[in-house]
Amino acid sequence: MLGLGGCGAIVYTVYRTSIAPARQAVDDYYGALARGDDRAAFEEVCPGAGITFAVFTRLVDAKPMLRWRTSTVNVSTVNGSTSGTVGGVVTYRDGTTRAGVVDLVKQRGGWRLCGGLLSPNAP
């Protein structure tokens, strides 16, 4: 029984240090968009994502979103680089929905959204 308790502690530590922060970064991004705070949402995006703030606001404001619901979170470390994906569904203010995945990279201790379902026009 003692061994099982140790496994539980390891699982909780992985969740607390890797999975929960990745999920929170995506929740923060979509929460900012739902509030209409494009600047806060843009700050969650990777600097290397190749998008300016002006283009970002034009894309996200074209189809305002209402809420985000997370369905999956995956985190991995390969050759010292930590990345992840968070899957979920966006509900837009017009009532339409879109399922997709957001790609993340851990940079300088924090998670940044680098691709995937970042805007209504994302592939």
PDB file of N, CA and C in Angstrom:
ATOM      1  N   MET A   1       0.807  -1.205   0.000  1.00  0.00           N
ATOM      2  CA  MET A   1       0.000   0.000   0.000  1.00  0.00           C
ATOM      3  C   MET A   1       0.847   1.265   0.000  1.00  0.00           C
ATOM      4  N   LEU A   2       1.972   1.216   0.659  1.00  0.00           N
ATOM      5  CA  LEU A   2       2.834   2.388   0.729  1.00  0.00           C
ATOM      6  C   LEU A   2       3.273   2.818  -0.668  1.00  0.00           C
ATOM      7  N   GLY A   3       3.546   1.843  -1.547  1.00  0.00           N
ATOM      8  CA  GLY A   3       3.958   2.145  -2.914  1.00  0.00           C
ATOM      9  C   GLY A   3       2.893   2.897  -3.687  1.00  0.00           C
ATOM     10  N   LEU A   4       1.649   2.570  -3.497  1.00  0.00           N
ATOM     11  CA  LEU A   4       0.564   3.251  -4.196  1.00  0.00           C
ATOM     12  C   LEU A   4       0.452   4.706  -3.768  1.00  0.00           C
ATOM     13  N   GLY A   5       0.685   4.978  -2.512  1.00  0.00           N
ATOM     14  CA  GLY A   5       0.648   6.364  -2.038  1.00  0.00           C
ATOM     15  C   GLY A   5       1.725   7.192  -2.705  1.00  0.00           C
ATOM     16  N   GLY A   6       2.893   6.604  -2.905  1.00  0.00           N
ATOM     17  CA  GLY A   6       3.983   7.292  -3.597  1.00  0.00           C
ATOM     18  C   GLY A   6       3.625   7.602  -5.030  1.00  0.00           C
ATOM     19  N   CYS A   7       2.947   6.662  -5.704  1.00  0.00           N
ATOM     20  CA  CYS A   7       2.503   6.893  -7.083  1.00  0.00           C
ATOM     21  C   CYS A   7       1.514   8.049  -7.154  1.00  0.00           C
ATOM     22  N   GLY A   8       0.621   8.099  -6.199  1.00  0.00           N
ATOM     23  CA  GLY A   8      -0.352   9.200  -6.165  1.00  0.00           C
ATOM     24  C   GLY A   8       0.330  10.539  -6.005  1.00  0.00           C
ATOM     25  N   ALA A   9       1.357  10.592  -5.184  1.00  0.00           N
ATOM     26  CA  ALA A   9       2.097  11.841  -4.983  1.00  0.00           C
ATOM     27  C   ALA A   9       2.806  12.257  -6.260  1.00  0.00           C
ATOM     28  N   ILE A  10       3.344  11.295  -6.996  1.00  0.00           N
ATOM     29  CA  ILE A  10       4.021  11.601  -8.254  1.00  0.00           C
ATOM     30  C   ILE A  10       3.019  12.122  -9.280  1.00  0.00           C
ATOM     31  N   VAL A  11       1.892  11.458  -9.406  1.00  0.00           N
ATOM     32  CA  VAL A  11       0.863  11.901 -10.355  1.00  0.00           C
ATOM     33  C   VAL A  11       0.399  13.317 -10.012  1.00  0.00           C
ATOM     34  N   TYR A  12       0.166  13.583  -8.744  1.00  0.00           N
ATOM     35  CA  TYR A  12      -0.263  14.925  -8.339  1.00  0.00           C
ATOM     36  C   TYR A  12       0.804  15.959  -8.662  1.00  0.00           C
ATOM     37  N   THR A  13       2.066  15.639  -8.432  1.00  0.00           N
ATOM     38  CA  THR A  13       3.157  16.572  -8.713  1.00  0.00           C
ATOM     39  C   THR A  13       3.246  16.872 -10.204  1.00  0.00           C
ATOM     40  N   VAL A  14       3.118  15.848 -11.050  1.00  0.00           N
ATOM     41  CA  VAL A  14       3.137  16.057 -12.500  1.00  0.00           C
ATOM     42  C   VAL A  14       1.969  16.951 -12.901  1.00  0.00           C
ATOM     43  N   TYR A  15       0.785  16.697 -12.351  1.00  0.00           N
ATOM     44  CA  TYR A  15      -0.377  17.521 -12.672  1.00  0.00           C
ATOM     45  C   TYR A  15      -0.141  18.973 -12.255  1.00  0.00           C
ATOM     46  N   ARG A  16       0.322  19.174 -11.023  1.00  0.00           N
ATOM     47  CA  ARG A  16       0.492  20.518 -10.472  1.00  0.00           C
ATOM     48  C   ARG A  16       1.583  21.303 -11.186  1.00  0.00           C
ATOM     49  N   THR A  17       2.659  20.635 -11.611  1.00  0.00           N
ATOM     50  CA  THR A  17       3.792  21.356 -12.188  1.00  0.00           C
ATOM     51  C   THR A  17       3.781  21.425 -13.708  1.00  0.00           C
ATOM     52  N   SER A  18       3.042  20.573 -14.382  1.00  0.00           N
ATOM     53  CA  SER A  18       3.065  20.548 -15.839  1.00  0.00           C
ATOM     54  C   SER A  18       1.691  20.727 -16.475  1.00  0.00           C
ATOM     55  N   ILE A  19       0.787  19.843 -16.152  1.00  0.00           N
ATOM     56  CA  ILE A  19      -0.516  19.831 -16.824  1.00  0.00           C
ATOM     57  C   ILE A  19      -1.374  21.026 -16.423  1.00  0.00           C
ATOM     58  N   ALA A  20      -1.502  21.292 -15.140  1.00  0.00           N
ATOM     59  CA  ALA A  20      -2.353  22.406 -14.692  1.00  0.00           C
ATOM     60  C   ALA A  20      -1.880  23.750 -15.237  1.00  0.00           C
ATOM     61  N   PRO A  21      -0.573  24.065 -15.230  1.00  0.00           N
ATOM     62  CA  PRO A  21      -0.145  25.360 -15.786  1.00  0.00           C
ATOM     63  C   PRO A  21      -0.392  25.479 -17.296  1.00  0.00           C
ATOM     64  N   ALA A  22      -0.241  24.385 -18.037  1.00  0.00           N
ATOM     65  CA  ALA A  22      -0.519  24.423 -19.477  1.00  0.00           C
ATOM     66  C   ALA A  22      -2.001  24.712 -19.711  1.00  0.00           C
ATOM     67  N   ARG A  23      -2.846  24.023 -18.986  1.00  0.00           N
ATOM     68  CA  ARG A  23      -4.291  24.251 -19.097  1.00  0.00           C
ATOM     69  C   ARG A  23      -4.640  25.689 -18.702  1.00  0.00           C
ATOM     70  N   GLN A  24      -4.023  26.190 -17.636  1.00  0.00           N
ATOM     71  CA  GLN A  24      -4.305  27.544 -17.158  1.00  0.00           C
ATOM     72  C   GLN A  24      -3.920  28.595 -18.195  1.00  0.00           C
ATOM     73  N   ALA A  25      -2.814  28.389 -18.905  1.00  0.00           N
ATOM     74  CA  ALA A  25      -2.400  29.338 -19.940  1.00  0.00           C
ATOM     75  C   ALA A  25      -3.464  29.459 -21.026  1.00  0.00           C
ATOM     76  N   VAL A  26      -4.021  28.323 -21.441  1.00  0.00           N
ATOM     77  CA  VAL A  26      -5.072  28.339 -22.464  1.00  0.00           C
ATOM     78  C   VAL A  26      -6.358  28.936 -21.895  1.00  0.00           C
ATOM     79  N   ASP A  27      -6.699  28.577 -20.665  1.00  0.00           N
ATOM     80  CA  ASP A  27      -7.884  29.162 -20.028  1.00  0.00           C
ATOM     81  C   ASP A  27      -7.735  30.674 -19.891  1.00  0.00           C
ATOM     82  N   ASP A  28      -6.544  31.149 -19.542  1.00  0.00           N
ATOM     83  CA  ASP A  28      -6.294  32.593 -19.429  1.00  0.00           C
ATOM     84  C   ASP A  28      -6.452  33.285 -20.780  1.00  0.00           C
ATOM     85  N   TYR A  29      -5.928  32.652 -21.821  1.00  0.00           N
ATOM     86  CA  TYR A  29      -6.023  33.198 -23.185  1.00  0.00           C
ATOM     87  C   TYR A  29      -7.488  33.368 -23.596  1.00  0.00           C
ATOM     88  N   TYR A  30      -8.247  32.279 -23.505  1.00  0.00           N
ATOM     89  CA  TYR A  30      -9.651  32.346 -23.917  1.00  0.00           C
ATOM     90  C   TYR A  30     -10.499  33.187 -22.965  1.00  0.00           C
ATOM     91  N   GLY A  31     -10.137  33.208 -21.694  1.00  0.00           N
ATOM     92  CA  GLY A  31     -10.840  34.084 -20.754  1.00  0.00           C
ATOM     93  C   GLY A  31     -10.664  35.543 -21.125  1.00  0.00           C
ATOM     94  N   ALA A  32      -9.445  35.911 -21.512  1.00  0.00           N
ATOM     95  CA  ALA A  32      -9.186  37.290 -21.947  1.00  0.00           C
ATOM     96  C   ALA A  32      -9.980  37.616 -23.205  1.00  0.00           C
ATOM     97  N   LEU A  33     -10.020  36.681 -24.153  1.00  0.00           N
ATOM     98  CA  LEU A  33     -10.803  36.925 -25.374  1.00  0.00           C
ATOM     99  C   LEU A  33     -12.284  37.085 -25.058  1.00  0.00           C
ATOM    100  N   ALA A  34     -12.802  36.265 -24.165  1.00  0.00           N
ATOM    101  CA  ALA A  34     -14.223  36.344 -23.801  1.00  0.00           C
ATOM    102  C   ALA A  34     -14.549  37.689 -23.155  1.00  0.00           C
ATOM    103  N   ARG A  35     -13.580  38.249 -22.416  1.00  0.00           N
ATOM    104  CA  ARG A  35     -13.764  39.568 -21.790  1.00  0.00           C
ATOM    105  C   ARG A  35     -13.534  40.714 -22.766  1.00  0.00           C
ATOM    106  N   GLY A  36     -13.051  40.404 -23.970  1.00  0.00           N
ATOM    107  CA  GLY A  36     -12.731  41.442 -24.942  1.00  0.00           C
ATOM    108  C   GLY A  36     -11.370  42.074 -24.702  1.00  0.00           C
ATOM    109  N   ASP A  37     -10.523  41.423 -23.912  1.00  0.00           N
ATOM    110  CA  ASP A  37      -9.196  41.947 -23.586  1.00  0.00           C
ATOM    111  C   ASP A  37      -8.162  41.337 -24.536  1.00  0.00           C
ATOM    112  N   ASP A  38      -8.130  41.873 -25.766  1.00  0.00           N
ATOM    113  CA  ASP A  38      -7.229  41.344 -26.787  1.00  0.00           C
ATOM    114  C   ASP A  38      -5.766  41.449 -26.366  1.00  0.00           C
ATOM    115  N   ARG A  39      -5.406  42.513 -25.672  1.00  0.00           N
ATOM    116  CA  ARG A  39      -4.006  42.716 -25.263  1.00  0.00           C
ATOM    117  C   ARG A  39      -3.556  41.591 -24.320  1.00  0.00           C
ATOM    118  N   ALA A  40      -4.360  41.262 -23.322  1.00  0.00           N
ATOM    119  CA  ALA A  40      -4.008  40.194 -22.393  1.00  0.00           C
ATOM    120  C   ALA A  40      -3.917  38.852 -23.119  1.00  0.00           C
ATOM    121  N   ALA A  41      -4.820  38.597 -24.054  1.00  0.00           N
ATOM    122  CA  ALA A  41      -4.781  37.352 -24.824  1.00  0.00           C
ATOM    123  C   ALA A  41      -3.513  37.301 -25.669  1.00  0.00           C
ATOM    124  N   PHE A  42      -3.176  38.398 -26.306  1.00  0.00           N
ATOM    125  CA  PHE A  42      -1.994  38.448 -27.170  1.00  0.00           C
ATOM    126  C   PHE A  42      -0.718  38.185 -26.383  1.00  0.00           C
ATOM    127  N   GLU A  43      -0.680  38.584 -25.134  1.00  0.00           N
ATOM    128  CA  GLU A  43       0.502  38.359 -24.293  1.00  0.00           C
ATOM    129  C   GLU A  43       0.734  36.879 -24.012  1.00  0.00           C
ATOM    130  N   GLU A  44      -0.271  36.029 -24.217  1.00  0.00           N
ATOM    131  CA  GLU A  44      -0.134  34.587 -24.025  1.00  0.00           C
ATOM    132  C   GLU A  44       0.431  33.887 -25.272  1.00  0.00           C
ATOM    133  N   VAL A  45       0.512  34.609 -26.393  1.00  0.00           N
ATOM    134  CA  VAL A  45       0.949  34.031 -27.663  1.00  0.00           C
ATOM    135  C   VAL A  45       2.473  34.074 -27.769  1.00  0.00           C
ATOM    136  N   CYS A  46       3.052  33.019 -28.350  1.00  0.00           N
ATOM    137  CA  CYS A  46       4.508  32.952 -28.561  1.00  0.00           C
ATOM    138  C   CYS A  46       4.988  34.168 -29.343  1.00  0.00           C
ATOM    139  N   PRO A  47       6.106  34.756 -28.920  1.00  0.00           N
ATOM    140  CA  PRO A  47       6.672  35.851 -29.709  1.00  0.00           C
ATOM    141  C   PRO A  47       7.003  35.413 -31.135  1.00  0.00           C
ATOM    142  N   GLY A  48       7.367  34.167 -31.320  1.00  0.00           N
ATOM    143  CA  GLY A  48       7.719  33.672 -32.645  1.00  0.00           C
ATOM    144  C   GLY A  48       6.545  33.170 -33.462  1.00  0.00           C
ATOM    145  N   ALA A  49       5.314  33.448 -33.044  1.00  0.00           N
ATOM    146  CA  ALA A  49       4.132  32.965 -33.763  1.00  0.00           C
ATOM    147  C   ALA A  49       3.935  33.680 -35.096  1.00  0.00           C
ATOM    148  N   GLY A  50       4.671  34.763 -35.310  1.00  0.00           N
ATOM    149  CA  GLY A  50       4.622  35.453 -36.594  1.00  0.00           C
ATOM    150  C   GLY A  50       3.356  36.257 -36.824  1.00  0.00           C
ATOM    151  N   ILE A  51       2.800  36.851 -35.776  1.00  0.00           N
ATOM    152  CA  ILE A  51       1.584  37.644 -35.915  1.00  0.00           C
ATOM    153  C   ILE A  51       1.738  38.939 -35.122  1.00  0.00           C
ATOM    154  N   THR A  52       1.315  40.024 -35.720  1.00  0.00           N
ATOM    155  CA  THR A  52       1.359  41.312 -35.025  1.00  0.00           C
ATOM    156  C   THR A  52       0.076  41.495 -34.221  1.00  0.00           C
ATOM    157  N   PHE A  53       0.116  42.414 -33.276  1.00  0.00           N
ATOM    158  CA  PHE A  53      -1.073  42.682 -32.474  1.00  0.00           C
ATOM    159  C   PHE A  53      -2.229  43.171 -33.347  1.00  0.00           C
ATOM    160  N   ALA A  54      -1.930  44.015 -34.345  1.00  0.00           N
ATOM    161  CA  ALA A  54      -2.985  44.543 -35.229  1.00  0.00           C
ATOM    162  C   ALA A  54      -3.679  43.407 -35.986  1.00  0.00           C
ATOM    163  N   VAL A  55      -2.911  42.483 -36.532  1.00  0.00           N
ATOM    164  CA  VAL A  55      -3.493  41.355 -37.266  1.00  0.00           C
ATOM    165  C   VAL A  55      -4.255  40.449 -36.297  1.00  0.00           C
ATOM    166  N   PHE A  56      -3.674  40.204 -35.137  1.00  0.00           N
ATOM    167  CA  PHE A  56      -4.325  39.374 -34.125  1.00  0.00           C
ATOM    168  C   PHE A  56      -5.697  39.923 -33.764  1.00  0.00           C
ATOM    169  N   THR A  57      -5.777  41.215 -33.451  1.00  0.00           N
ATOM    170  CA  THR A  57      -7.068  41.793 -33.057  1.00  0.00           C
ATOM    171  C   THR A  57      -8.072  41.739 -34.197  1.00  0.00           C
ATOM    172  N   ARG A  58      -7.611  41.954 -35.416  1.00  0.00           N
ATOM    173  CA  ARG A  58      -8.524  41.887 -36.560  1.00  0.00           C
ATOM    174  C   ARG A  58      -9.113  40.474 -36.677  1.00  0.00           C
ATOM    175  N   LEU A  59      -8.274  39.455 -36.479  1.00  0.00           N
ATOM    176  CA  LEU A  59      -8.746  38.072 -36.584  1.00  0.00           C
ATOM    177  C   LEU A  59      -9.724  37.704 -35.468  1.00  0.00           C
ATOM    178  N   VAL A  60      -9.347  37.992 -34.222  1.00  0.00           N
ATOM    179  CA  VAL A  60     -10.195  37.557 -33.111  1.00  0.00           C
ATOM    180  C   VAL A  60     -11.452  38.410 -32.959  1.00  0.00           C
ATOM    181  N   ASP A  61     -11.374  39.672 -33.356  1.00  0.00           N
ATOM    182  CA  ASP A  61     -12.557  40.528 -33.240  1.00  0.00           C
ATOM    183  C   ASP A  61     -13.562  40.290 -34.362  1.00  0.00           C
ATOM    184  N   ALA A  62     -13.131  39.621 -35.436  1.00  0.00           N
ATOM    185  CA  ALA A  62     -14.035  39.323 -36.549  1.00  0.00           C
ATOM    186  C   ALA A  62     -15.126  38.344 -36.126  1.00  0.00           C
ATOM    187  N   LYS A  63     -14.808  37.493 -35.154  1.00  0.00           N
ATOM    188  CA  LYS A  63     -15.781  36.510 -34.665  1.00  0.00           C
ATOM    189  C   LYS A  63     -15.584  36.367 -33.161  1.00  0.00           C
ATOM    190  N   PRO A  64     -16.189  37.266 -32.379  1.00  0.00           N
ATOM    191  CA  PRO A  64     -15.992  37.249 -30.923  1.00  0.00           C
ATOM    192  C   PRO A  64     -16.436  35.931 -30.294  1.00  0.00           C
ATOM    193  N   MET A  65     -15.649  35.488 -29.321  1.00  0.00           N
ATOM    194  CA  MET A  65     -15.969  34.231 -28.660  1.00  0.00           C
ATOM    195  C   MET A  65     -16.648  34.466 -27.331  1.00  0.00           C
ATOM    196  N   LEU A  66     -17.365  33.456 -26.902  1.00  0.00           N
ATOM    197  CA  LEU A  66     -18.127  33.519 -25.665  1.00  0.00           C
ATOM    198  C   LEU A  66     -17.465  32.698 -24.553  1.00  0.00           C
ATOM    199  N   ARG A  67     -17.040  31.464 -24.891  1.00  0.00           N
ATOM    200  CA  ARG A  67     -16.430  30.615 -23.857  1.00  0.00           C
ATOM    201  C   ARG A  67     -15.574  29.524 -24.493  1.00  0.00           C
ATOM    202  N   TRP A  68     -14.746  28.931 -23.644  1.00  0.00           N
ATOM    203  CA  TRP A  68     -13.850  27.826 -24.004  1.00  0.00           C
ATOM    204  C   TRP A  68     -14.067  26.698 -23.012  1.00  0.00           C
ATOM    205  N   ARG A  69     -14.097  25.489 -23.510  1.00  0.00           N
ATOM    206  CA  ARG A  69     -14.217  24.313 -22.643  1.00  0.00           C
ATOM    207  C   ARG A  69     -13.076  23.356 -22.984  1.00  0.00           C
ATOM    208  N   THR A  70     -12.200  23.120 -22.018  1.00  0.00           N
ATOM    209  CA  THR A  70     -11.059  22.221 -22.211  1.00  0.00           C
ATOM    210  C   THR A  70     -11.516  20.770 -22.140  1.00  0.00           C
ATOM    211  N   SER A  71     -10.991  19.949 -23.051  1.00  0.00           N
ATOM    212  CA  SER A  71     -11.324  18.526 -23.032  1.00  0.00           C
ATOM    213  C   SER A  71     -10.087  17.651 -22.794  1.00  0.00           C
ATOM    214  N   THR A  72      -8.924  18.053 -23.293  1.00  0.00           N
ATOM    215  CA  THR A  72      -7.714  17.252 -23.127  1.00  0.00           C
ATOM    216  C   THR A  72      -6.503  18.147 -22.884  1.00  0.00           C
ATOM    217  N   VAL A  73      -5.531  17.609 -22.166  1.00  0.00           N
ATOM    218  CA  VAL A  73      -4.250  18.302 -21.967  1.00  0.00           C
ATOM    219  C   VAL A  73      -3.152  17.255 -22.068  1.00  0.00           C
ATOM    220  N   ASN A  74      -2.164  17.529 -22.915  1.00  0.00           N
ATOM    221  CA  ASN A  74      -1.018  16.636 -23.061  1.00  0.00           C
ATOM    222  C   ASN A  74       0.254  17.464 -22.958  1.00  0.00           C
ATOM    223  N   VAL A  75       1.206  16.998 -22.161  1.00  0.00           N
ATOM    224  CA  VAL A  75       2.479  17.681 -21.971  1.00  0.00           C
ATOM    225  C   VAL A  75       3.591  16.660 -22.131  1.00  0.00           C
ATOM    226  N   SER A  76       4.660  17.051 -22.829  1.00  0.00           N
ATOM    227  CA  SER A  76       5.804  16.153 -22.957  1.00  0.00           C
ATOM    228  C   SER A  76       7.099  16.959 -23.001  1.00  0.00           C
ATOM    229  N   THR A  77       8.173  16.297 -22.620  1.00  0.00           N
ATOM    230  CA  THR A  77       9.504  16.895 -22.703  1.00  0.00           C
ATOM    231  C   THR A  77      10.371  15.986 -23.556  1.00  0.00           C
ATOM    232  N   VAL A  78      10.933  16.564 -24.626  1.00  0.00           N
ATOM    233  CA  VAL A  78      11.788  15.825 -25.534  1.00  0.00           C
ATOM    234  C   VAL A  78      13.073  16.614 -25.712  1.00  0.00           C
ATOM    235  N   ASN A  79      14.199  15.977 -25.427  1.00  0.00           N
ATOM    236  CA  ASN A  79      15.505  16.628 -25.544  1.00  0.00           C
ATOM    237  C   ASN A  79      15.559  17.953 -24.799  1.00  0.00           C
ATOM    238  N   GLY A  80      14.911  18.017 -23.657  1.00  0.00           N
ATOM    239  CA  GLY A  80      14.951  19.210 -22.818  1.00  0.00           C
ATOM    240  C   GLY A  80      13.949  20.289 -23.172  1.00  0.00           C
ATOM    241  N   SER A  81      13.183  20.128 -24.247  1.00  0.00           N
ATOM    242  CA  SER A  81      12.167  21.106 -24.636  1.00  0.00           C
ATOM    243  C   SER A  81      10.794  20.586 -24.234  1.00  0.00           C
ATOM    244  N   THR A  82      10.057  21.403 -23.488  1.00  0.00           N
ATOM    245  CA  THR A  82       8.734  21.000 -23.018  1.00  0.00           C
ATOM    246  C   THR A  82       7.674  21.678 -23.868  1.00  0.00           C
ATOM    247  N   SER A  83       6.740  20.882 -24.352  1.00  0.00           N
ATOM    248  CA  SER A  83       5.641  21.408 -25.164  1.00  0.00           C
ATOM    249  C   SER A  83       4.373  20.664 -24.791  1.00  0.00           C
ATOM    250  N   GLY A  84       3.275  21.137 -25.319  1.00  0.00           N
ATOM    251  CA  GLY A  84       2.019  20.490 -25.011  1.00  0.00           C
ATOM    252  C   GLY A  84       0.919  20.878 -25.968  1.00  0.00           C
ATOM    253  N   THR A  85      -0.199  20.232 -25.797  1.00  0.00           N
ATOM    254  CA  THR A  85      -1.409  20.565 -26.541  1.00  0.00           C
ATOM    255  C   THR A  85      -2.581  20.576 -25.564  1.00  0.00           C
ATOM    256  N   VAL A  86      -3.493  21.475 -25.811  1.00  0.00           N
ATOM    257  CA  VAL A  86      -4.726  21.539 -25.035  1.00  0.00           C
ATOM    258  C   VAL A  86      -5.866  21.535 -26.039  1.00  0.00           C
ATOM    259  N   GLY A  87      -6.710  20.536 -25.926  1.00  0.00           N
ATOM    260  CA  GLY A  87      -7.845  20.423 -26.820  1.00  0.00           C
ATOM    261  C   GLY A  87      -9.112  20.930 -26.149  1.00  0.00           C
ATOM    262  N   GLY A  88     -10.027  21.396 -26.965  1.00  0.00           N
ATOM    263  CA  GLY A  88     -11.283  21.863 -26.410  1.00  0.00           C
ATOM    264  C   GLY A  88     -12.220  22.397 -27.473  1.00  0.00           C
ATOM    265  N   VAL A  89     -13.233  23.084 -27.003  1.00  0.00           N
ATOM    266  CA  VAL A  89     -14.257  23.637 -27.892  1.00  0.00           C
ATOM    267  C   VAL A  89     -14.458  25.112 -27.570  1.00  0.00           C
ATOM    268  N   VAL A  90     -14.426  25.932 -28.616  1.00  0.00           N
ATOM    269  CA  VAL A  90     -14.731  27.350 -28.500  1.00  0.00           C
ATOM    270  C   VAL A  90     -16.191  27.547 -28.895  1.00  0.00           C
ATOM    271  N   THR A  91     -16.923  28.318 -28.110  1.00  0.00           N
ATOM    272  CA  THR A  91     -18.272  28.728 -28.483  1.00  0.00           C
ATOM    273  C   THR A  91     -18.215  30.217 -28.777  1.00  0.00           C
ATOM    274  N   TYR A  92     -18.649  30.581 -29.970  1.00  0.00           N
ATOM    275  CA  TYR A  92     -18.640  31.984 -30.387  1.00  0.00           C
ATOM    276  C   TYR A  92     -19.960  32.655 -30.030  1.00  0.00           C
ATOM    277  N   ARG A  93     -19.939  33.953 -30.008  1.00  0.00           N
ATOM    278  CA  ARG A  93     -21.135  34.711 -29.616  1.00  0.00           C
ATOM    279  C   ARG A  93     -22.303  34.505 -30.571  1.00  0.00           C
ATOM    280  N   ASP A  94     -22.002  34.115 -31.812  1.00  0.00           N
ATOM    281  CA  ASP A  94     -23.086  33.858 -32.757  1.00  0.00           C
ATOM    282  C   ASP A  94     -23.691  32.467 -32.579  1.00  0.00           C
ATOM    283  N   GLY A  95     -23.190  31.695 -31.585  1.00  0.00           N
ATOM    284  CA  GLY A  95     -23.732  30.383 -31.289  1.00  0.00           C
ATOM    285  C   GLY A  95     -23.003  29.228 -31.948  1.00  0.00           C
ATOM    286  N   THR A  96     -22.121  29.513 -32.896  1.00  0.00           N
ATOM    287  CA  THR A  96     -21.373  28.436 -33.533  1.00  0.00           C
ATOM    288  C   THR A  96     -20.274  27.944 -32.586  1.00  0.00           C
ATOM    289  N   THR A  97     -19.834  26.723 -32.837  1.00  0.00           N
ATOM    290  CA  THR A  97     -18.759  26.145 -32.031  1.00  0.00           C
ATOM    291  C   THR A  97     -17.671  25.620 -32.956  1.00  0.00           C
ATOM    292  N   ARG A  98     -16.487  25.465 -32.370  1.00  0.00           N
ATOM    293  CA  ARG A  98     -15.371  24.904 -33.120  1.00  0.00           C
ATOM    294  C   ARG A  98     -14.470  24.130 -32.166  1.00  0.00           C
ATOM    295  N   ALA A  99     -14.275  22.863 -32.481  1.00  0.00           N
ATOM    296  CA  ALA A  99     -13.362  22.035 -31.696  1.00  0.00           C
ATOM    297  C   ALA A  99     -11.973  22.137 -32.298  1.00  0.00           C
ATOM    298  N   GLY A 100     -10.969  22.058 -31.449  1.00  0.00           N
ATOM    299  CA  GLY A 100      -9.608  22.113 -31.956  1.00  0.00           C
ATOM    300  C   GLY A 100      -8.592  21.941 -30.852  1.00  0.00           C
ATOM    301  N   VAL A 101      -7.348  22.116 -31.225  1.00  0.00           N
ATOM    302  CA  VAL A 101      -6.222  21.939 -30.320  1.00  0.00           C
ATOM    303  C   VAL A 101      -5.349  23.180 -30.374  1.00  0.00           C
ATOM    304  N   VAL A 102      -4.870  23.606 -29.215  1.00  0.00           N
ATOM    305  CA  VAL A 102      -3.930  24.709 -29.114  1.00  0.00           C
ATOM    306  C   VAL A 102      -2.558  24.120 -28.797  1.00  0.00           C
ATOM    307  N   ASP A 103      -1.542  24.534 -29.566  1.00  0.00           N
ATOM    308  CA  ASP A 103      -0.171  24.078 -29.343  1.00  0.00           C
ATOM    309  C   ASP A 103       0.523  25.050 -28.401  1.00  0.00           C
ATOM    310  N   LEU A 104       1.245  24.499 -27.434  1.00  0.00           N
ATOM    311  CA  LEU A 104       1.956  25.327 -26.452  1.00  0.00           C
ATOM    312  C   LEU A 104       3.431  24.937 -26.375  1.00  0.00           C
ATOM    313  N   VAL A 105       4.236  25.906 -25.959  1.00  0.00           N
ATOM    314  CA  VAL A 105       5.648  25.665 -25.684  1.00  0.00           C
ATOM    315  C   VAL A 105       5.967  26.331 -24.359  1.00  0.00           C
ATOM    316  N   LYS A 106       6.742  25.630 -23.540  1.00  0.00           N
ATOM    317  CA  LYS A 106       7.157  26.213 -22.263  1.00  0.00           C
ATOM    318  C   LYS A 106       8.417  27.039 -22.517  1.00  0.00           C
ATOM    319  N   GLN A 107       8.329  28.338 -22.219  1.00  0.00           N
ATOM    320  CA  GLN A 107       9.442  29.257 -22.440  1.00  0.00           C
ATOM    321  C   GLN A 107       9.705  30.047 -21.174  1.00  0.00           C
ATOM    322  N   ARG A 108      10.940  30.030 -20.736  1.00  0.00           N
ATOM    323  CA  ARG A 108      11.344  30.776 -19.540  1.00  0.00           C
ATOM    324  C   ARG A 108      10.409  30.532 -18.360  1.00  0.00           C
ATOM    325  N   GLY A 109      10.016  29.289 -18.176  1.00  0.00           N
ATOM    326  CA  GLY A 109       9.203  28.922 -17.028  1.00  0.00           C
ATOM    327  C   GLY A 109       7.711  29.114 -17.198  1.00  0.00           C
ATOM    328  N   GLY A 110       7.273  29.719 -18.294  1.00  0.00           N
ATOM    329  CA  GLY A 110       5.846  29.933 -18.526  1.00  0.00           C
ATOM    330  C   GLY A 110       5.401  29.321 -19.841  1.00  0.00           C
ATOM    331  N   TRP A 111       4.125  29.102 -19.980  1.00  0.00           N
ATOM    332  CA  TRP A 111       3.567  28.511 -21.193  1.00  0.00           C
ATOM    333  C   TRP A 111       3.141  29.596 -22.160  1.00  0.00           C
ATOM    334  N   ARG A 112       3.430  29.413 -23.452  1.00  0.00           N
ATOM    335  CA  ARG A 112       3.005  30.324 -24.504  1.00  0.00           C
ATOM    336  C   ARG A 112       2.268  29.537 -25.572  1.00  0.00           C
ATOM    337  N   LEU A 113       1.196  30.114 -26.100  1.00  0.00           N
ATOM    338  CA  LEU A 113       0.404  29.494 -27.148  1.00  0.00           C
ATOM    339  C   LEU A 113       1.068  29.798 -28.492  1.00  0.00           C
ATOM    340  N   CYS A 114       1.387  28.749 -29.247  1.00  0.00           N
ATOM    341  CA  CYS A 114       2.191  28.936 -30.451  1.00  0.00           C
ATOM    342  C   CYS A 114       1.505  28.492 -31.733  1.00  0.00           C
ATOM    343  N   GLY A 115       0.335  27.978 -31.655  1.00  0.00           N
ATOM    344  CA  GLY A 115      -0.326  27.553 -32.878  1.00  0.00           C
ATOM    345  C   GLY A 115      -1.606  26.803 -32.580  1.00  0.00           C
ATOM    346  N   GLY A 116      -2.235  26.387 -33.655  1.00  0.00           N
ATOM    347  CA  GLY A 116      -3.490  25.662 -33.503  1.00  0.00           C
ATOM    348  C   GLY A 116      -4.669  26.612 -33.484  1.00  0.00           C
ATOM    349  N   LEU A 117      -5.615  26.350 -32.629  1.00  0.00           N
ATOM    350  CA  LEU A 117      -6.889  27.074 -32.585  1.00  0.00           C
ATOM    351  C   LEU A 117      -6.742  28.396 -31.817  1.00  0.00           C
ATOM    352  N   LEU A 118      -6.006  29.355 -32.407  1.00  0.00           N
ATOM    353  CA  LEU A 118      -5.811  30.651 -31.747  1.00  0.00           C
ATOM    354  C   LEU A 118      -6.829  31.693 -32.173  1.00  0.00           C
ATOM    355  N   SER A 119      -7.433  31.509 -33.342  1.00  0.00           N
ATOM    356  CA  SER A 119      -8.418  32.474 -33.809  1.00  0.00           C
ATOM    357  C   SER A 119      -9.482  31.745 -34.641  1.00  0.00           C
ATOM    358  N   PRO A 120     -10.592  32.415 -34.932  1.00  0.00           N
ATOM    359  CA  PRO A 120     -11.643  31.778 -35.717  1.00  0.00           C
ATOM    360  C   PRO A 120     -11.172  31.340 -37.104  1.00  0.00           C
ATOM    361  N   ASN A 121     -10.141  32.013 -37.616  1.00  0.00           N
ATOM    362  CA  ASN A 121      -9.644  31.716 -38.957  1.00  0.00           C
ATOM    363  C   ASN A 121      -8.454  30.777 -38.945  1.00  0.00           C
ATOM    364  N   ALA A 122      -8.111  30.225 -37.781  1.00  0.00           N
ATOM    365  CA  ALA A 122      -6.981  29.300 -37.701  1.00  0.00           C
ATOM    366  C   ALA A 122      -7.292  28.035 -38.495  1.00  0.00           C
ATOM    367  N   PRO A 123      -6.265  27.459 -39.108  1.00  0.00           N
ATOM    368  CA  PRO A 123      -6.516  26.230 -39.885  1.00  0.00           C
ATOM    369  C   PRO A 123      -6.952  25.083 -39.006  1.00  0.00           C
TER     370      PRO A 123
END
